[in-house]
Amino acid sequence: MAENKKSKTTKKKSTKPKKTTKKATAKEAAPKVAEIKITETEEVREQPAVVAAPETVSEETVVAKPKKVPLPKGQKYYGTGRRKEAIAKVWLKAGSGNFVVNGKGLMEYFCGRKLLEYQVLRPLRVTNTLANYDVFVRAYGGGIPGQAGAVSMGIARALLEVSPDFRVKLKREGLLRRDPRMKERKKYGLKRARKAFQYTKR
């Protein structure tokens, strides 16, 4: 019986140090977890902050006006013409028929396009004043054909300032009427103003 008790006590003694070893291992493992957490936080801090993209503000298209060419001194007659998106400011002065558009000659500015030149000079031809006045024009906006129509209308209005008697001739030729035709807007669901996308049945 005494031997059995001794064996039990030895067994109990042998089991006690095992428990202490388990606790020791648990304590040793604890700092490793803390070290891992620290490294993770360091990695998170090193990541660059995401910068929000700046908001894009839609800017309105501004029509660039031409450089102002100095006008000659003396009495002048002014008229404004418009066609599509083009605007022309026209001054007439008694002279020999010189023509200046944005600092360039008539042939140079309209690229030698005879139809546009004929359209521009038409009010002067109708009133038989082609060689009686020098014309100075500041045109901007739109394209070359639109500017030609605007210049023609500006000359016709300036001729009315010269003499109201020209009204009958100019009105008969339709040179005083503002052309209302403009580019038609694009529609959603269509390719252009009226053109549709290609249709495929299958």
C-alpha atoms as a PDB file:
ATOM      1  CA  MET A   1       0.000   0.000   0.000  1.00  0.00           C
ATOM      2  CA  ALA A   2       2.839   2.368   0.839  1.00  0.00           C
ATOM      3  CA  GLU A   3       4.466   1.654  -2.503  1.00  0.00           C
ATOM      4  CA  ASN A   4       1.208   2.455  -4.321  1.00  0.00           C
ATOM      5  CA  LYS A   5       0.926   5.788  -2.496  1.00  0.00           C
ATOM      6  CA  LYS A   6       4.507   6.644  -3.419  1.00  0.00           C
ATOM      7  CA  SER A   7       3.832   5.845  -7.054  1.00  0.00           C
ATOM      8  CA  LYS A   8       0.716   8.061  -7.013  1.00  0.00           C
ATOM      9  CA  THR A   9       2.656  10.927  -5.472  1.00  0.00           C
ATOM     10  CA  THR A  10       5.386  10.520  -8.057  1.00  0.00           C
ATOM     11  CA  LYS A  11       2.776  10.553 -10.811  1.00  0.00           C
ATOM     12  CA  LYS A  12       1.223  13.719  -9.395  1.00  0.00           C
ATOM     13  CA  LYS A  13       4.634  15.353  -9.100  1.00  0.00           C
ATOM     14  CA  SER A  14       5.457  14.415 -12.663  1.00  0.00           C
ATOM     15  CA  THR A  15       2.203  15.944 -13.947  1.00  0.00           C
ATOM     16  CA  LYS A  16       2.728  19.287 -12.197  1.00  0.00           C
ATOM     17  CA  PRO A  17       5.812  20.362 -14.152  1.00  0.00           C
ATOM     18  CA  LYS A  18       3.979  19.533 -17.410  1.00  0.00           C
ATOM     19  CA  LYS A  19       1.330  22.128 -16.560  1.00  0.00           C
ATOM     20  CA  THR A  20       4.001  24.701 -15.846  1.00  0.00           C
ATOM     21  CA  THR A  21       5.657  23.994 -19.184  1.00  0.00           C
ATOM     22  CA  LYS A  22       2.333  24.575 -21.001  1.00  0.00           C
ATOM     23  CA  LYS A  23       1.877  27.914 -19.228  1.00  0.00           C
ATOM     24  CA  ALA A  24       5.411  28.893 -20.076  1.00  0.00           C
ATOM     25  CA  THR A  25       4.892  28.098 -23.732  1.00  0.00           C
ATOM     26  CA  ALA A  26       1.684  30.137 -23.766  1.00  0.00           C
ATOM     27  CA  LYS A  27       3.496  33.095 -22.209  1.00  0.00           C
ATOM     28  CA  GLU A  28       6.324  32.798 -24.721  1.00  0.00           C
ATOM     29  CA  ALA A  29       3.869  32.686 -27.620  1.00  0.00           C
ATOM     30  CA  ALA A  30       2.095  35.883 -26.483  1.00  0.00           C
ATOM     31  CA  PRO A  31       4.837  38.370 -27.451  1.00  0.00           C
ATOM     32  CA  LYS A  32       4.978  36.875 -30.960  1.00  0.00           C
ATOM     33  CA  VAL A  33       1.340  37.849 -31.542  1.00  0.00           C
ATOM     34  CA  ALA A  34       2.071  41.354 -30.324  1.00  0.00           C
ATOM     35  CA  GLU A  35       5.066  41.586 -32.661  1.00  0.00           C
ATOM     36  CA  ILE A  36       2.911  40.492 -35.613  1.00  0.00           C
ATOM     37  CA  LYS A  37       0.306  43.114 -34.786  1.00  0.00           C
ATOM     38  CA  ILE A  38       2.947  45.835 -34.655  1.00  0.00           C
ATOM     39  CA  THR A  39       4.372  44.852 -38.031  1.00  0.00           C
ATOM     40  CA  GLU A  40       0.889  44.866 -39.570  1.00  0.00           C
ATOM     41  CA  THR A  41       0.216  48.373 -38.273  1.00  0.00           C
ATOM     42  CA  GLU A  42       3.576  49.537 -39.593  1.00  0.00           C
ATOM     43  CA  GLU A  43       2.732  48.159 -43.038  1.00  0.00           C
ATOM     44  CA  VAL A  44      -0.633  49.938 -42.978  1.00  0.00           C
ATOM     45  CA  ARG A  45       1.032  53.230 -42.071  1.00  0.00           C
ATOM     46  CA  GLU A  46       3.510  52.867 -44.929  1.00  0.00           C
ATOM     47  CA  GLN A  47       0.716  52.592 -47.533  1.00  0.00           C
ATOM     48  CA  PRO A  48       0.260  55.918 -49.387  1.00  0.00           C
ATOM     49  CA  ALA A  49      -3.001  57.754 -48.826  1.00  0.00           C
ATOM     50  CA  VAL A  50      -5.396  57.787 -51.774  1.00  0.00           C
ATOM     51  CA  VAL A  51      -5.806  61.336 -53.086  1.00  0.00           C
ATOM     52  CA  ALA A  52      -9.191  62.227 -54.540  1.00  0.00           C
ATOM     53  CA  ALA A  53      -9.070  63.290 -58.184  1.00  0.00           C
ATOM     54  CA  PRO A  54      -9.828  66.975 -58.757  1.00  0.00           C
ATOM     55  CA  GLU A  55     -13.280  67.700 -60.080  1.00  0.00           C
ATOM     56  CA  THR A  56     -13.318  68.600 -63.752  1.00  0.00           C
ATOM     57  CA  VAL A  57     -15.130  71.853 -64.371  1.00  0.00           C
ATOM     58  CA  SER A  58     -16.714  72.178 -67.811  1.00  0.00           C
ATOM     59  CA  GLU A  59     -15.502  75.347 -69.434  1.00  0.00           C
ATOM     60  CA  GLU A  60     -17.624  77.208 -71.944  1.00  0.00           C
ATOM     61  CA  THR A  61     -16.110  77.617 -75.378  1.00  0.00           C
ATOM     62  CA  VAL A  62     -15.074  81.210 -75.913  1.00  0.00           C
ATOM     63  CA  VAL A  63     -14.879  82.573 -79.457  1.00  0.00           C
ATOM     64  CA  ALA A  64     -11.485  84.156 -80.007  1.00  0.00           C
ATOM     65  CA  LYS A  65     -11.806  87.666 -81.407  1.00  0.00           C
ATOM     66  CA  PRO A  66      -9.257  88.836 -83.992  1.00  0.00           C
ATOM     67  CA  LYS A  67      -6.590  91.383 -83.216  1.00  0.00           C
ATOM     68  CA  LYS A  68      -7.913  94.900 -83.565  1.00  0.00           C
ATOM     69  CA  VAL A  69      -6.630  96.545 -86.741  1.00  0.00           C
ATOM     70  CA  PRO A  70      -6.425 100.337 -86.437  1.00  0.00           C
ATOM     71  CA  LEU A  71      -9.165 102.040 -88.439  1.00  0.00           C
ATOM     72  CA  PRO A  72      -8.464 105.134 -90.539  1.00  0.00           C
ATOM     73  CA  LYS A  73      -9.536 108.496 -89.196  1.00  0.00           C
ATOM     74  CA  GLY A  74     -12.392 110.425 -90.674  1.00  0.00           C
ATOM     75  CA  GLN A  75     -16.095 109.885 -91.188  1.00  0.00           C
ATOM     76  CA  LYS A  76     -17.080 106.202 -91.285  1.00  0.00           C
ATOM     77  CA  TYR A  77     -20.357 104.300 -91.605  1.00  0.00           C
ATOM     78  CA  TYR A  78     -20.837 101.232 -89.417  1.00  0.00           C
ATOM     79  CA  GLY A  79     -22.897  98.071 -89.865  1.00  0.00           C
ATOM     80  CA  THR A  80     -23.056  94.686 -88.086  1.00  0.00           C
ATOM     81  CA  GLY A  81     -23.761  91.415 -89.890  1.00  0.00           C
ATOM     82  CA  ARG A  82     -24.413  87.888 -88.598  1.00  0.00           C
ATOM     83  CA  ARG A  83     -24.618  84.476 -90.238  1.00  0.00           C
ATOM     84  CA  LYS A  84     -24.696  81.128 -88.389  1.00  0.00           C
ATOM     85  CA  GLU A  85     -22.115  81.585 -85.589  1.00  0.00           C
ATOM     86  CA  ALA A  86     -20.142  84.311 -87.408  1.00  0.00           C
ATOM     87  CA  ILE A  87     -20.212  88.019 -86.569  1.00  0.00           C
ATOM     88  CA  ALA A  88     -18.788  90.796 -88.755  1.00  0.00           C
ATOM     89  CA  LYS A  89     -18.273  94.447 -87.845  1.00  0.00           C
ATOM     90  CA  VAL A  90     -18.003  96.579 -90.978  1.00  0.00           C
ATOM     91  CA  TRP A  91     -16.889 100.183 -91.501  1.00  0.00           C
ATOM     92  CA  LEU A  92     -17.235 102.062 -94.802  1.00  0.00           C
ATOM     93  CA  LYS A  93     -15.170 105.119 -95.616  1.00  0.00           C
ATOM     94  CA  ALA A  94     -15.080 107.188 -98.789  1.00  0.00           C
ATOM     95  CA  GLY A  95     -12.181 105.875-100.873  1.00  0.00           C
ATOM     96  CA  SER A  96     -11.169 103.898-103.944  1.00  0.00           C
ATOM     97  CA  GLY A  97     -12.516 100.410-103.192  1.00  0.00           C
ATOM     98  CA  ASN A  98      -9.853  98.900-100.900  1.00  0.00           C
ATOM     99  CA  PHE A  99     -11.025  95.883 -98.894  1.00  0.00           C
ATOM    100  CA  VAL A 100      -9.430  94.750 -95.610  1.00  0.00           C
ATOM    101  CA  VAL A 101     -10.666  91.793 -93.506  1.00  0.00           C
ATOM    102  CA  ASN A 102      -8.838  91.195 -90.195  1.00  0.00           C
ATOM    103  CA  GLY A 103      -5.748  92.916 -91.580  1.00  0.00           C
ATOM    104  CA  LYS A 104      -5.724  90.868 -94.817  1.00  0.00           C
ATOM    105  CA  GLY A 105      -6.894  91.533 -98.346  1.00  0.00           C
ATOM    106  CA  LEU A 106     -10.159  90.151 -99.713  1.00  0.00           C
ATOM    107  CA  MET A 107      -8.513  87.504-101.944  1.00  0.00           C
ATOM    108  CA  GLU A 108      -6.099  86.403 -99.218  1.00  0.00           C
ATOM    109  CA  TYR A 109      -8.648  86.089 -96.418  1.00  0.00           C
ATOM    110  CA  PHE A 110     -11.240  84.148 -98.422  1.00  0.00           C
ATOM    111  CA  CYS A 111      -8.544  81.911 -99.968  1.00  0.00           C
ATOM    112  CA  GLY A 112      -9.396  82.923-103.538  1.00  0.00           C
ATOM    113  CA  ARG A 113     -12.906  81.410-103.386  1.00  0.00           C
ATOM    114  CA  LYS A 114     -14.700  83.351-106.110  1.00  0.00           C
ATOM    115  CA  LEU A 115     -18.200  82.485-104.900  1.00  0.00           C
ATOM    116  CA  LEU A 116     -17.521  83.930-101.444  1.00  0.00           C
ATOM    117  CA  GLU A 117     -15.913  87.042-102.918  1.00  0.00           C
ATOM    118  CA  TYR A 118     -18.961  87.563-105.139  1.00  0.00           C
ATOM    119  CA  GLN A 119     -21.244  87.180-102.102  1.00  0.00           C
ATOM    120  CA  VAL A 120     -19.242  89.729-100.095  1.00  0.00           C
ATOM    121  CA  LEU A 121     -19.141  92.377-102.852  1.00  0.00           C
ATOM    122  CA  ARG A 122     -22.766  91.936-103.922  1.00  0.00           C
ATOM    123  CA  PRO A 123     -24.232  94.845-101.864  1.00  0.00           C
ATOM    124  CA  LEU A 124     -21.665  97.233-103.377  1.00  0.00           C
ATOM    125  CA  ARG A 125     -22.386  95.993-106.900  1.00  0.00           C
ATOM    126  CA  VAL A 126     -26.162  96.290-106.461  1.00  0.00           C
ATOM    127  CA  THR A 127     -25.833  99.932-105.358  1.00  0.00           C
ATOM    128  CA  ASN A 128     -23.048 100.772-107.901  1.00  0.00           C
ATOM    129  CA  THR A 129     -20.699 101.908-105.103  1.00  0.00           C
ATOM    130  CA  LEU A 130     -17.909  99.339-105.550  1.00  0.00           C
ATOM    131  CA  ALA A 131     -15.217 101.947-106.290  1.00  0.00           C
ATOM    132  CA  ASN A 132     -16.569 104.661-103.997  1.00  0.00           C
ATOM    133  CA  TYR A 133     -15.813 103.236-100.525  1.00  0.00           C
ATOM    134  CA  ASP A 134     -13.010 101.515 -98.659  1.00  0.00           C
ATOM    135  CA  VAL A 135     -14.234  98.595 -96.518  1.00  0.00           C
ATOM    136  CA  PHE A 136     -12.699  97.598 -93.165  1.00  0.00           C
ATOM    137  CA  VAL A 137     -13.982  94.411 -91.510  1.00  0.00           C
ATOM    138  CA  ARG A 138     -13.443  92.611 -88.191  1.00  0.00           C
ATOM    139  CA  ALA A 139     -14.902  89.109 -88.518  1.00  0.00           C
ATOM    140  CA  TYR A 140     -14.856  86.349 -85.886  1.00  0.00           C
ATOM    141  CA  GLY A 141     -16.691  83.148 -85.014  1.00  0.00           C
ATOM    142  CA  GLY A 142     -17.938  80.434 -87.333  1.00  0.00           C
ATOM    143  CA  GLY A 143     -16.131  79.465 -90.529  1.00  0.00           C
ATOM    144  CA  ILE A 144     -15.100  81.252 -93.698  1.00  0.00           C
ATOM    145  CA  PRO A 145     -18.453  80.792 -95.553  1.00  0.00           C
ATOM    146  CA  GLY A 146     -20.408  81.982 -92.508  1.00  0.00           C
ATOM    147  CA  GLN A 147     -18.152  85.008 -92.145  1.00  0.00           C
ATOM    148  CA  ALA A 148     -18.670  85.849 -95.839  1.00  0.00           C
ATOM    149  CA  GLY A 149     -22.442  85.992 -95.293  1.00  0.00           C
ATOM    150  CA  ALA A 150     -21.975  88.103 -92.168  1.00  0.00           C
ATOM    151  CA  VAL A 151     -19.705  90.572 -94.013  1.00  0.00           C
ATOM    152  CA  SER A 152     -22.240  90.896 -96.844  1.00  0.00           C
ATOM    153  CA  MET A 153     -25.007  91.750 -94.389  1.00  0.00           C
ATOM    154  CA  GLY A 154     -22.757  94.205 -92.527  1.00  0.00           C
ATOM    155  CA  ILE A 155     -21.913  96.052 -95.761  1.00  0.00           C
ATOM    156  CA  ALA A 156     -25.610  96.272 -96.682  1.00  0.00           C
ATOM    157  CA  ARG A 157     -26.474  97.761 -93.278  1.00  0.00           C
ATOM    158  CA  ALA A 158     -23.582 100.215 -93.482  1.00  0.00           C
ATOM    159  CA  LEU A 159     -24.804 101.356 -96.925  1.00  0.00           C
ATOM    160  CA  LEU A 160     -28.158 102.195 -95.336  1.00  0.00           C
ATOM    161  CA  GLU A 161     -26.277 104.553 -93.020  1.00  0.00           C
ATOM    162  CA  VAL A 162     -24.735 106.169 -96.104  1.00  0.00           C
ATOM    163  CA  SER A 163     -28.088 106.682 -97.831  1.00  0.00           C
ATOM    164  CA  PRO A 164     -31.573 105.387 -96.928  1.00  0.00           C
ATOM    165  CA  ASP A 165     -32.370 105.438-100.662  1.00  0.00           C
ATOM    166  CA  PHE A 166     -30.422 102.169-101.052  1.00  0.00           C
ATOM    167  CA  ARG A 167     -33.043 100.284 -99.013  1.00  0.00           C
ATOM    168  CA  VAL A 168     -35.285  99.448-102.001  1.00  0.00           C
ATOM    169  CA  LYS A 169     -32.433  97.928-104.043  1.00  0.00           C
ATOM    170  CA  LEU A 170     -30.914  96.030-101.133  1.00  0.00           C
ATOM    171  CA  LYS A 171     -34.241  94.691 -99.889  1.00  0.00           C
ATOM    172  CA  ARG A 172     -35.228  93.532-103.387  1.00  0.00           C
ATOM    173  CA  GLU A 173     -32.062  91.390-103.507  1.00  0.00           C
ATOM    174  CA  GLY A 174     -32.663  90.046 -99.979  1.00  0.00           C
ATOM    175  CA  LEU A 175     -29.429  91.508 -98.601  1.00  0.00           C
ATOM    176  CA  LEU A 176     -31.005  93.058 -95.495  1.00  0.00           C
ATOM    177  CA  ARG A 177     -32.611  89.864 -94.211  1.00  0.00           C
ATOM    178  CA  ARG A 178     -30.793  87.906 -91.541  1.00  0.00           C
ATOM    179  CA  ASP A 179     -30.504  84.281 -92.704  1.00  0.00           C
ATOM    180  CA  PRO A 180     -32.136  82.288 -89.857  1.00  0.00           C
ATOM    181  CA  ARG A 181     -30.729  78.905 -90.883  1.00  0.00           C
ATOM    182  CA  MET A 182     -28.551  77.389 -88.164  1.00  0.00           C
ATOM    183  CA  LYS A 183     -26.977  74.001 -87.573  1.00  0.00           C
ATOM    184  CA  GLU A 184     -29.545  71.560 -86.196  1.00  0.00           C
ATOM    185  CA  ARG A 185     -28.713  70.044 -82.832  1.00  0.00           C
ATOM    186  CA  LYS A 186     -27.796  66.384 -82.386  1.00  0.00           C
ATOM    187  CA  LYS A 187     -30.521  64.143 -80.956  1.00  0.00           C
ATOM    188  CA  TYR A 188     -29.946  61.368 -78.421  1.00  0.00           C
ATOM    189  CA  GLY A 189     -30.450  57.935 -79.937  1.00  0.00           C
ATOM    190  CA  LEU A 190     -29.268  59.199 -83.326  1.00  0.00           C
ATOM    191  CA  LYS A 191     -25.817  59.528 -84.816  1.00  0.00           C
ATOM    192  CA  ARG A 192     -26.296  63.145 -85.859  1.00  0.00           C
ATOM    193  CA  ALA A 193     -29.228  65.544 -86.079  1.00  0.00           C
ATOM    194  CA  ARG A 194     -31.264  63.117 -88.208  1.00  0.00           C
ATOM    195  CA  LYS A 195     -28.932  60.311 -89.278  1.00  0.00           C
ATOM    196  CA  ALA A 196     -29.621  57.030 -87.444  1.00  0.00           C
ATOM    197  CA  PHE A 197     -27.152  54.325 -86.497  1.00  0.00           C
ATOM    198  CA  GLN A 198     -26.803  51.392 -88.876  1.00  0.00           C
ATOM    199  CA  TYR A 199     -29.579  48.840 -88.383  1.00  0.00           C
ATOM    200  CA  THR A 200     -28.758  45.126 -88.364  1.00  0.00           C
ATOM    201  CA  LYS A 201     -31.655  42.693 -88.464  1.00  0.00           C
ATOM    202  CA  ARG A 202     -29.660  39.702 -87.199  1.00  0.00           C
END
